[in-house]
Protein backbone atom coordinates (compact mmCIF):
# COMPACT_ATOMS: atom_id res chain seq x y z
CA UNK A 1 -148.73 13.54 24.90
CA UNK A 2 -145.09 12.22 26.15
CA UNK A 3 -143.20 10.89 29.21
CA UNK A 4 -142.00 14.57 29.86
CA UNK A 5 -145.31 15.67 30.31
CA UNK A 6 -145.72 13.94 33.58
CA UNK A 7 -142.77 16.09 34.52
CA UNK A 8 -143.24 19.70 36.46
CA UNK A 9 -140.88 22.18 37.60
CA UNK A 10 -137.87 20.08 35.87
CA UNK A 11 -137.25 21.62 32.73
CA UNK A 12 -133.27 22.14 33.58
CA UNK A 13 -133.23 18.51 34.10
CA UNK A 14 -135.74 17.63 31.24
CA UNK A 15 -133.48 19.89 28.64
CA UNK A 16 -130.35 18.27 29.95
CA UNK A 17 -131.19 15.01 29.23
CA UNK A 18 -133.23 15.41 25.70
CA UNK A 19 -129.65 17.24 24.38
CA UNK A 20 -127.89 14.25 25.52
CA UNK A 21 -130.06 11.38 23.88
CA UNK A 22 -129.88 14.04 20.48
CA UNK A 23 -126.36 14.88 21.12
CA UNK A 24 -123.72 11.94 21.05
CA UNK A 25 -121.23 14.40 21.91
CA UNK A 26 -123.24 15.18 25.44
CA UNK A 27 -124.28 11.20 26.25
CA UNK A 28 -122.52 9.59 28.86
CA UNK A 29 -123.16 5.84 29.93
CA UNK A 30 -123.96 6.28 33.31
CA UNK A 31 -126.34 8.74 35.18
CA UNK A 32 -127.83 9.33 38.60
CA UNK A 33 -130.71 11.06 38.79
CA UNK A 34 -131.63 12.46 42.50
CA UNK A 35 -133.86 14.28 44.10
CA UNK A 36 -136.82 14.18 47.60
CA UNK A 37 -139.71 12.23 47.34
CA UNK A 38 -142.25 12.76 44.77
CA UNK A 39 -140.08 15.01 42.71
CA UNK A 40 -140.18 12.13 39.90
CA UNK A 41 -136.65 10.69 39.32
CA UNK A 42 -138.44 7.47 37.94
CA UNK A 43 -140.58 9.17 35.89
CA UNK A 44 -137.54 10.97 34.65
CA UNK A 45 -135.38 8.18 34.10
CA UNK A 46 -138.41 6.31 31.99
CA UNK A 47 -138.92 9.25 29.95
CA UNK A 48 -135.15 9.88 28.72
CA UNK A 49 -135.26 5.73 28.55
CA UNK A 50 -137.88 6.25 26.01
CA UNK A 51 -136.51 8.93 24.35
CA UNK A 52 -132.93 6.55 23.92
CA UNK A 53 -134.69 3.35 22.91
CA UNK A 54 -136.30 5.01 20.17
CA UNK A 55 -134.87 4.28 16.52
CA UNK A 56 -136.93 7.01 14.17
CA UNK A 57 -139.58 9.31 15.17
CA UNK A 58 -142.49 7.65 13.96
CA UNK A 59 -141.54 4.46 16.45
CA UNK A 60 -142.02 6.92 19.46
CA UNK A 61 -145.53 5.86 20.64
CA UNK A 62 -144.74 2.55 20.06
CA UNK A 63 -141.43 2.72 21.93
CA UNK A 64 -143.52 4.51 24.84
CA UNK A 65 -145.86 1.93 25.10
CA UNK A 66 -143.62 -0.80 25.22
CA UNK A 67 -141.38 1.10 28.14
CA UNK A 68 -144.70 1.97 29.78
CA UNK A 69 -145.34 -1.34 29.72
CA UNK A 70 -141.77 -2.88 30.87
CA UNK A 71 -141.78 -5.21 27.81
CA UNK A 72 -139.10 -3.21 25.38
CA UNK A 73 -136.44 -5.75 24.39
CA UNK A 74 -133.35 -3.28 24.98
CA UNK A 75 -134.75 -2.04 28.81
CA UNK A 76 -134.08 -4.09 31.80
CA UNK A 77 -135.92 -2.28 34.78
CA UNK A 78 -135.02 -3.07 38.67
CA UNK A 79 -137.23 -1.69 41.46
CA UNK A 80 -137.27 -3.90 44.78
CA UNK A 81 -140.25 -4.24 46.96
CA UNK A 82 -137.54 -5.00 49.49
CA UNK A 83 -135.75 -3.16 52.29
CA UNK A 84 -132.71 -3.35 50.24
CA UNK A 85 -131.63 -4.56 46.73
CA UNK A 86 -130.10 -8.00 46.77
CA UNK A 87 -126.54 -8.68 45.69
CA UNK A 88 -127.67 -11.48 42.95
CA UNK A 89 -130.67 -9.20 41.34
CA UNK A 90 -127.34 -6.96 40.31
CA UNK A 91 -125.63 -9.02 38.92
CA UNK A 92 -128.35 -10.37 36.65
CA UNK A 93 -128.62 -6.79 35.35
CA UNK A 94 -125.10 -6.51 34.98
CA UNK A 95 -124.71 -9.69 32.91
CA UNK A 96 -127.71 -8.25 30.88
CA UNK A 97 -125.95 -4.92 30.47
CA UNK A 98 -122.99 -7.03 28.55
CA UNK A 99 -125.76 -7.42 25.43
CA UNK A 100 -125.47 -5.29 22.66
CA UNK A 101 -128.84 -3.48 21.66
CA UNK A 102 -131.35 -5.72 19.59
CA UNK A 103 -133.44 -3.07 17.98
CA UNK A 104 -132.39 0.53 19.64
CA UNK A 105 -129.84 2.93 19.27
CA UNK A 106 -128.97 1.54 23.50
CA UNK A 107 -129.68 -1.00 26.23
CA UNK A 108 -130.81 0.87 28.98
CA UNK A 109 -131.12 -0.23 32.51
CA UNK A 110 -132.55 1.51 35.21
CA UNK A 111 -132.37 1.14 38.89
CA UNK A 112 -134.97 2.59 41.29
CA UNK A 113 -134.09 3.22 44.70
CA UNK A 114 -130.37 2.68 43.70
CA UNK A 115 -129.43 4.03 47.70
CA UNK A 116 -131.09 0.35 48.51
CA UNK A 117 -127.91 -1.08 47.60
CA UNK A 118 -125.32 -2.52 50.52
CA UNK A 119 -121.60 -1.50 50.02
CA UNK A 120 -120.58 -4.88 48.77
CA UNK A 121 -123.38 -5.12 46.21
CA UNK A 122 -122.34 -1.25 45.10
CA UNK A 123 -119.31 -2.65 44.60
CA UNK A 124 -120.61 -5.13 42.17
CA UNK A 125 -122.43 -2.59 40.22
CA UNK A 126 -119.23 -0.59 39.80
CA UNK A 127 -117.37 -2.84 38.00
CA UNK A 128 -119.48 -2.85 35.35
CA UNK A 129 -119.76 0.86 35.38
CA UNK A 130 -115.91 0.90 35.22
CA UNK A 131 -115.55 -1.15 32.13
CA UNK A 132 -119.50 -0.46 30.20
CA UNK A 133 -120.07 -1.93 26.55
CA UNK A 134 -120.34 0.89 23.89
CA UNK A 135 -123.89 1.44 23.67
CA UNK A 136 -124.82 0.63 27.10
CA UNK A 137 -126.75 3.55 29.47
CA UNK A 138 -127.32 2.76 33.27
CA UNK A 139 -129.71 5.23 34.87
CA UNK A 140 -129.40 4.91 38.78
CA UNK A 141 -132.12 6.84 40.96
CA UNK A 142 -131.77 8.06 44.72
CA UNK A 143 -133.27 10.47 47.12
CA UNK A 144 -129.29 12.29 47.11
CA UNK A 145 -126.16 11.37 45.64
CA UNK A 146 -124.36 11.32 48.99
CA UNK A 147 -126.49 7.99 49.69
CA UNK A 148 -124.53 5.91 47.16
CA UNK A 149 -120.87 4.92 47.91
CA UNK A 150 -118.14 7.93 46.64
CA UNK A 151 -116.71 5.60 43.50
CA UNK A 152 -120.09 5.29 42.04
CA UNK A 153 -120.69 9.07 42.60
CA UNK A 154 -117.51 9.70 40.62
CA UNK A 155 -118.33 7.48 37.42
CA UNK A 156 -121.93 8.94 37.27
CA UNK A 157 -123.17 11.85 35.62
CA UNK A 158 -125.85 13.76 38.07
CA UNK A 159 -128.98 15.21 37.47
CA UNK A 160 -130.22 16.98 40.59
CA UNK A 161 -134.57 17.29 40.84
CA UNK A 162 -136.01 20.19 42.69
CA UNK A 163 -139.23 20.27 44.30
CA UNK A 164 -141.77 21.62 42.70
CA UNK A 165 -143.85 24.31 43.82
CA UNK A 166 -147.34 24.26 45.13
CA UNK A 167 -148.62 25.64 42.08
CA UNK A 168 -146.81 23.57 39.47
CA UNK A 169 -148.02 20.27 41.21
CA UNK A 170 -151.89 21.86 41.55
CA UNK A 171 -151.06 22.76 37.56
CA UNK A 172 -150.41 19.14 36.62
CA UNK A 173 -153.26 17.91 39.03
CA UNK A 174 -155.70 19.74 37.02
CA UNK A 175 -154.79 19.67 33.25
CA UNK A 176 -153.75 16.38 33.36
CA UNK A 177 -156.28 14.62 35.92
CA UNK A 178 -159.50 17.13 35.66
CA UNK A 179 -159.15 18.02 39.26
CA UNK A 180 -160.95 21.10 40.56
CA UNK A 181 -158.82 24.31 40.83
CA UNK A 182 -159.28 24.60 44.41
CA UNK A 183 -158.87 20.84 45.25
CA UNK A 184 -155.76 20.44 43.72
CA UNK A 185 -154.03 23.60 45.46
CA UNK A 186 -155.37 21.88 48.72
CA UNK A 187 -153.88 18.41 47.78
CA UNK A 188 -150.94 19.87 46.68
CA UNK A 189 -150.32 21.97 49.67
CA UNK A 190 -151.16 18.81 51.76
CA UNK A 191 -148.95 16.45 50.00
CA UNK A 192 -145.79 19.24 50.13
CA UNK A 193 -145.76 19.28 46.44
CA UNK A 194 -145.06 15.32 46.61
CA UNK A 195 -146.57 14.70 43.12
CA UNK A 196 -147.83 11.04 43.51
CA UNK A 197 -149.13 11.72 47.02
CA UNK A 198 -150.78 14.73 45.84
CA UNK A 199 -152.56 12.99 42.89
CA UNK A 200 -153.81 10.62 45.44
CA UNK A 201 -155.26 13.10 47.91
CA UNK A 202 -157.07 14.71 45.01
CA UNK A 203 -158.70 11.81 43.51
CA UNK A 204 -159.60 9.40 46.71
CA UNK A 205 -161.73 11.11 49.44
CA UNK A 206 -160.73 8.15 51.76
CA UNK A 207 -156.99 9.06 51.64
CA UNK A 208 -158.11 12.57 52.55
CA UNK A 209 -160.26 11.71 55.60
CA UNK A 210 -157.32 9.14 57.33
CA UNK A 211 -154.75 12.10 56.63
CA UNK A 212 -157.17 14.72 58.21
CA UNK A 213 -157.92 11.66 60.91
CA UNK A 214 -154.18 11.48 61.28
CA UNK A 215 -153.65 15.07 62.14
CA UNK A 216 -156.92 15.06 64.78
CA UNK A 217 -155.28 11.95 66.72
CA UNK A 218 -152.36 13.60 67.62
CA UNK A 219 -154.30 17.03 68.25
CA UNK A 220 -156.34 15.06 70.68
CA UNK A 221 -153.51 13.61 72.99
CA UNK A 222 -153.56 15.21 76.23
CA UNK A 223 -152.27 12.14 78.48
CA UNK A 224 -149.79 8.82 77.93
CA UNK A 225 -153.00 6.64 77.73
CA UNK A 226 -154.18 8.78 74.99
CA UNK A 227 -151.11 8.21 73.40
CA UNK A 228 -150.77 4.40 73.55
CA UNK A 229 -154.70 4.54 72.20
CA UNK A 230 -154.01 7.35 69.54
CA UNK A 231 -150.71 5.48 68.62
CA UNK A 232 -152.31 2.23 67.87
CA UNK A 233 -154.74 3.97 65.49
CA UNK A 234 -152.21 5.97 63.97
CA UNK A 235 -150.43 2.17 62.87
CA UNK A 236 -154.02 1.24 61.69
CA UNK A 237 -154.35 3.96 59.65
CA UNK A 238 -151.50 3.76 58.18
CA UNK A 239 -152.06 -0.05 57.70
CA UNK A 240 -155.49 0.50 55.82
CA UNK A 241 -153.91 3.24 53.76
CA UNK A 242 -151.47 0.99 52.77
CA UNK A 243 -153.60 -1.78 51.90
CA UNK A 244 -156.07 0.36 49.79
CA UNK A 245 -152.89 1.41 47.78
CA UNK A 246 -152.11 -1.96 47.26
CA UNK A 247 -154.90 -3.82 46.53
CA UNK A 248 -156.02 -2.72 42.98
CA UNK A 249 -152.52 -3.01 41.92
CA UNK A 250 -152.28 -6.80 43.34
CA UNK A 251 -155.98 -7.39 41.76
CA UNK A 252 -154.40 -6.45 38.33
CA UNK A 253 -151.14 -8.09 38.87
CA UNK A 254 -152.73 -11.54 39.60
CA UNK A 255 -155.43 -10.75 36.83
CA UNK A 256 -152.21 -10.36 34.09
CA UNK A 257 -150.26 -13.57 35.80
CA UNK A 258 -153.61 -15.78 35.57
CA UNK A 259 -154.16 -14.10 31.72
CA UNK A 260 -150.27 -15.49 30.54
CA UNK A 261 -150.69 -18.64 31.84
CA UNK A 262 -153.62 -18.73 29.54
CA UNK A 263 -156.23 -18.81 32.61
CA UNK A 264 -159.59 -16.86 33.46
CA UNK A 265 -159.31 -14.97 36.35
CA UNK A 266 -161.33 -17.03 39.25
CA UNK A 267 -160.96 -20.33 37.36
CA UNK A 268 -159.06 -23.38 38.63
CA UNK A 269 -155.42 -23.53 38.77
CA UNK A 270 -153.74 -26.38 37.66
CA UNK A 271 -150.93 -27.76 40.17
CA UNK A 272 -148.24 -27.80 37.47
CA UNK A 273 -148.80 -23.59 37.43
CA UNK A 274 -149.29 -22.78 41.28
CA UNK A 275 -145.31 -22.12 41.54
CA UNK A 276 -145.97 -19.25 39.66
CA UNK A 277 -148.86 -17.88 41.22
CA UNK A 278 -146.93 -18.75 44.65
CA UNK A 279 -143.93 -16.60 43.95
CA UNK A 280 -146.27 -13.52 42.96
CA UNK A 281 -148.04 -13.92 46.28
CA UNK A 282 -144.87 -13.91 48.32
CA UNK A 283 -143.82 -10.11 46.06
CA UNK A 284 -147.03 -9.22 46.97
CA UNK A 285 -146.51 -9.74 50.88
CA UNK A 286 -142.89 -8.44 50.85
CA UNK A 287 -144.33 -5.26 48.83
CA UNK A 288 -147.38 -5.05 51.30
CA UNK A 289 -144.33 -5.14 54.87
CA UNK A 290 -142.80 -2.02 52.85
CA UNK A 291 -145.84 -0.60 52.38
CA UNK A 292 -147.02 -0.41 55.62
CA UNK A 293 -143.87 0.68 56.63
CA UNK A 294 -143.91 3.30 53.77
CA UNK A 295 -146.92 4.45 54.94
CA UNK A 296 -146.32 5.20 58.65
CA UNK A 297 -143.52 7.73 57.54
CA UNK A 298 -146.35 9.11 55.84
CA UNK A 299 -148.02 9.79 58.73
CA UNK A 300 -144.65 11.21 60.23
CA UNK A 301 -144.20 13.27 57.37
CA UNK A 302 -147.89 14.89 57.57
CA UNK A 303 -147.21 15.12 61.72
CA UNK A 304 -144.31 17.06 60.72
CA UNK A 305 -146.48 19.39 58.73
CA UNK A 306 -149.03 19.67 61.61
CA UNK A 307 -146.42 20.94 64.25
CA UNK A 308 -144.25 23.25 61.41
CA UNK A 309 -147.63 25.07 61.37
CA UNK A 310 -148.28 24.92 65.01
CA UNK A 311 -144.45 26.47 65.11
CA UNK A 312 -145.51 29.18 62.93
CA UNK A 313 -148.34 30.12 64.43
CA UNK A 314 -147.27 30.56 67.77
CA UNK A 315 -144.15 32.56 66.34
CA UNK A 316 -146.86 34.62 64.74
CA UNK A 317 -144.38 34.12 60.93
CA UNK A 318 -147.14 34.93 58.81
CA UNK A 319 -146.12 32.04 56.98
CA UNK A 320 -148.71 30.23 54.77
CA UNK A 321 -149.68 26.79 56.76
CA UNK A 322 -149.53 23.40 54.88
CA UNK A 323 -152.06 22.44 56.67
CA UNK A 324 -154.96 25.43 55.60
CA UNK A 325 -158.04 23.64 55.96
CA UNK A 326 -157.65 22.66 59.54
CA UNK A 327 -156.36 26.34 60.27
CA UNK A 328 -159.21 27.18 62.97
CA UNK A 329 -158.04 24.40 64.54
CA UNK A 330 -154.42 24.61 64.77
CA UNK A 331 -154.98 28.14 66.23
CA UNK A 332 -156.79 27.03 68.89
CA UNK A 333 -154.30 24.48 70.09
CA UNK A 334 -151.56 26.72 69.23
CA UNK A 335 -152.98 29.12 71.75
CA UNK A 336 -153.20 26.33 74.18
CA UNK A 337 -149.50 25.37 73.79
CA UNK A 338 -146.17 26.75 73.17
CA UNK A 339 -143.39 27.28 70.63
CA UNK A 340 -140.70 24.89 72.66
CA UNK A 341 -143.71 21.81 72.78
CA UNK A 342 -143.90 21.74 69.11
CA UNK A 343 -140.14 21.96 68.47
CA UNK A 344 -139.75 19.14 71.17
CA UNK A 345 -142.76 17.66 69.08
CA UNK A 346 -140.69 18.06 65.84
CA UNK A 347 -137.57 16.40 67.43
CA UNK A 348 -139.67 13.59 68.64
CA UNK A 349 -140.93 12.77 65.04
CA UNK A 350 -137.69 12.80 63.37
CA UNK A 351 -136.45 10.22 66.41
CA UNK A 352 -139.44 8.17 65.44
CA UNK A 353 -138.55 8.04 61.71
CA UNK A 354 -134.85 7.17 62.52
CA UNK A 355 -136.59 4.14 64.72
CA UNK A 356 -138.65 2.69 62.39
CA UNK A 357 -136.13 2.93 59.66
CA UNK A 358 -134.22 0.47 62.54
CA UNK A 359 -137.08 -1.33 62.90
CA UNK A 360 -138.18 -0.39 65.85
CA UNK A 361 -142.04 -1.82 66.09
CA UNK A 362 -144.15 1.16 64.36
CA UNK A 363 -146.46 1.24 67.47
CA UNK A 364 -143.62 1.70 70.10
CA UNK A 365 -141.84 4.52 67.95
CA UNK A 366 -145.72 6.35 67.91
CA UNK A 367 -146.16 5.35 71.39
CA UNK A 368 -142.81 7.65 72.66
CA UNK A 369 -143.13 10.14 70.28
CA UNK A 370 -146.74 10.84 71.15
CA UNK A 371 -145.90 11.14 74.41
CA UNK A 372 -143.09 13.72 74.16
CA UNK A 373 -145.08 16.04 71.72
CA UNK A 374 -147.80 16.33 74.23
CA UNK A 375 -145.74 17.61 76.46
CA UNK A 376 -145.78 14.97 79.38
CA UNK A 377 -141.89 14.18 79.46
CA UNK A 378 -138.95 16.44 78.31
CA UNK A 379 -138.22 16.33 74.25
CA UNK A 380 -134.86 16.61 72.91
CA UNK A 381 -131.83 14.95 73.95
CA UNK A 382 -133.28 11.37 74.96
CA UNK A 383 -131.33 8.41 73.46
CA UNK A 384 -132.43 7.06 70.40
């Protein structure tokens, strides 16, 4: 199994990159992989990097293992846990990009979430893209080309990923993870074809339970006081979900760090080595903050699917629901509310996402959204 096998519904992009990796005439020094969350941007970038770094077919499995572990000597990766990528991180990458590859045909540099660069930071990267060394390849990942400054967009070759279908994601879960076909399809639909989230819903019963609880809390809001209570509970659910998502990773990271220092997990850490672990803990705290923020956004995306389904039922559109498993409950709510209310709720959710992104306390953003969604106040046209 290769890195390409973890991608689904991206045959055109895979064919383009595999051709470029094997044909120098099709190759360029900078690529931009764009696509919606969960479409596989990073997976495609690392599969492409593996192909570029493989010096000969016999070494393919070794190269794949090194790329997977991020230990290949000719691979550099920038994947920030912060809200923005710092200028110092990019300067360090640019410095690394000037070296010739040591064992592979290329030196490959991957920047995940390249949309998190400020304009000043982007201009540092721009200089490296304007005068690239002959065997250095940059691979940038972002949701959209519009998220990068125009001068960078003009110096990269763009590869756009599409949203895979529910069936394609379900088939991947069934074949790769051994998930029951019915559960795989439900997870793929409720994740709205986000591959990572679909995997989580299919393999984690607690994640499915938290999602169902999220929808029920929103549907149960009938007053301002209930909106306030529901907002607090939704933030708590998002926080619990974020903790569950990062806990296992943090444990593995700490154990790996201890092993690299020659220590056993649970053992006493000598004072001279505590600085390294302290730095790891600070990185994990930053990641936890970002993870909670991402968890709030996942809650809001789930609520978008909820009110989208209600609107379709109210309009008698005859379209398959995202939350098909809750159809009976949704039909009950749809009969007691109007399409205008559902449209207002959708607008309020979009506004809440912008507010959270702008650092409004999540509980306040969710309170305002739920009050509007419940029909207690007029929705559209209110200031952000």
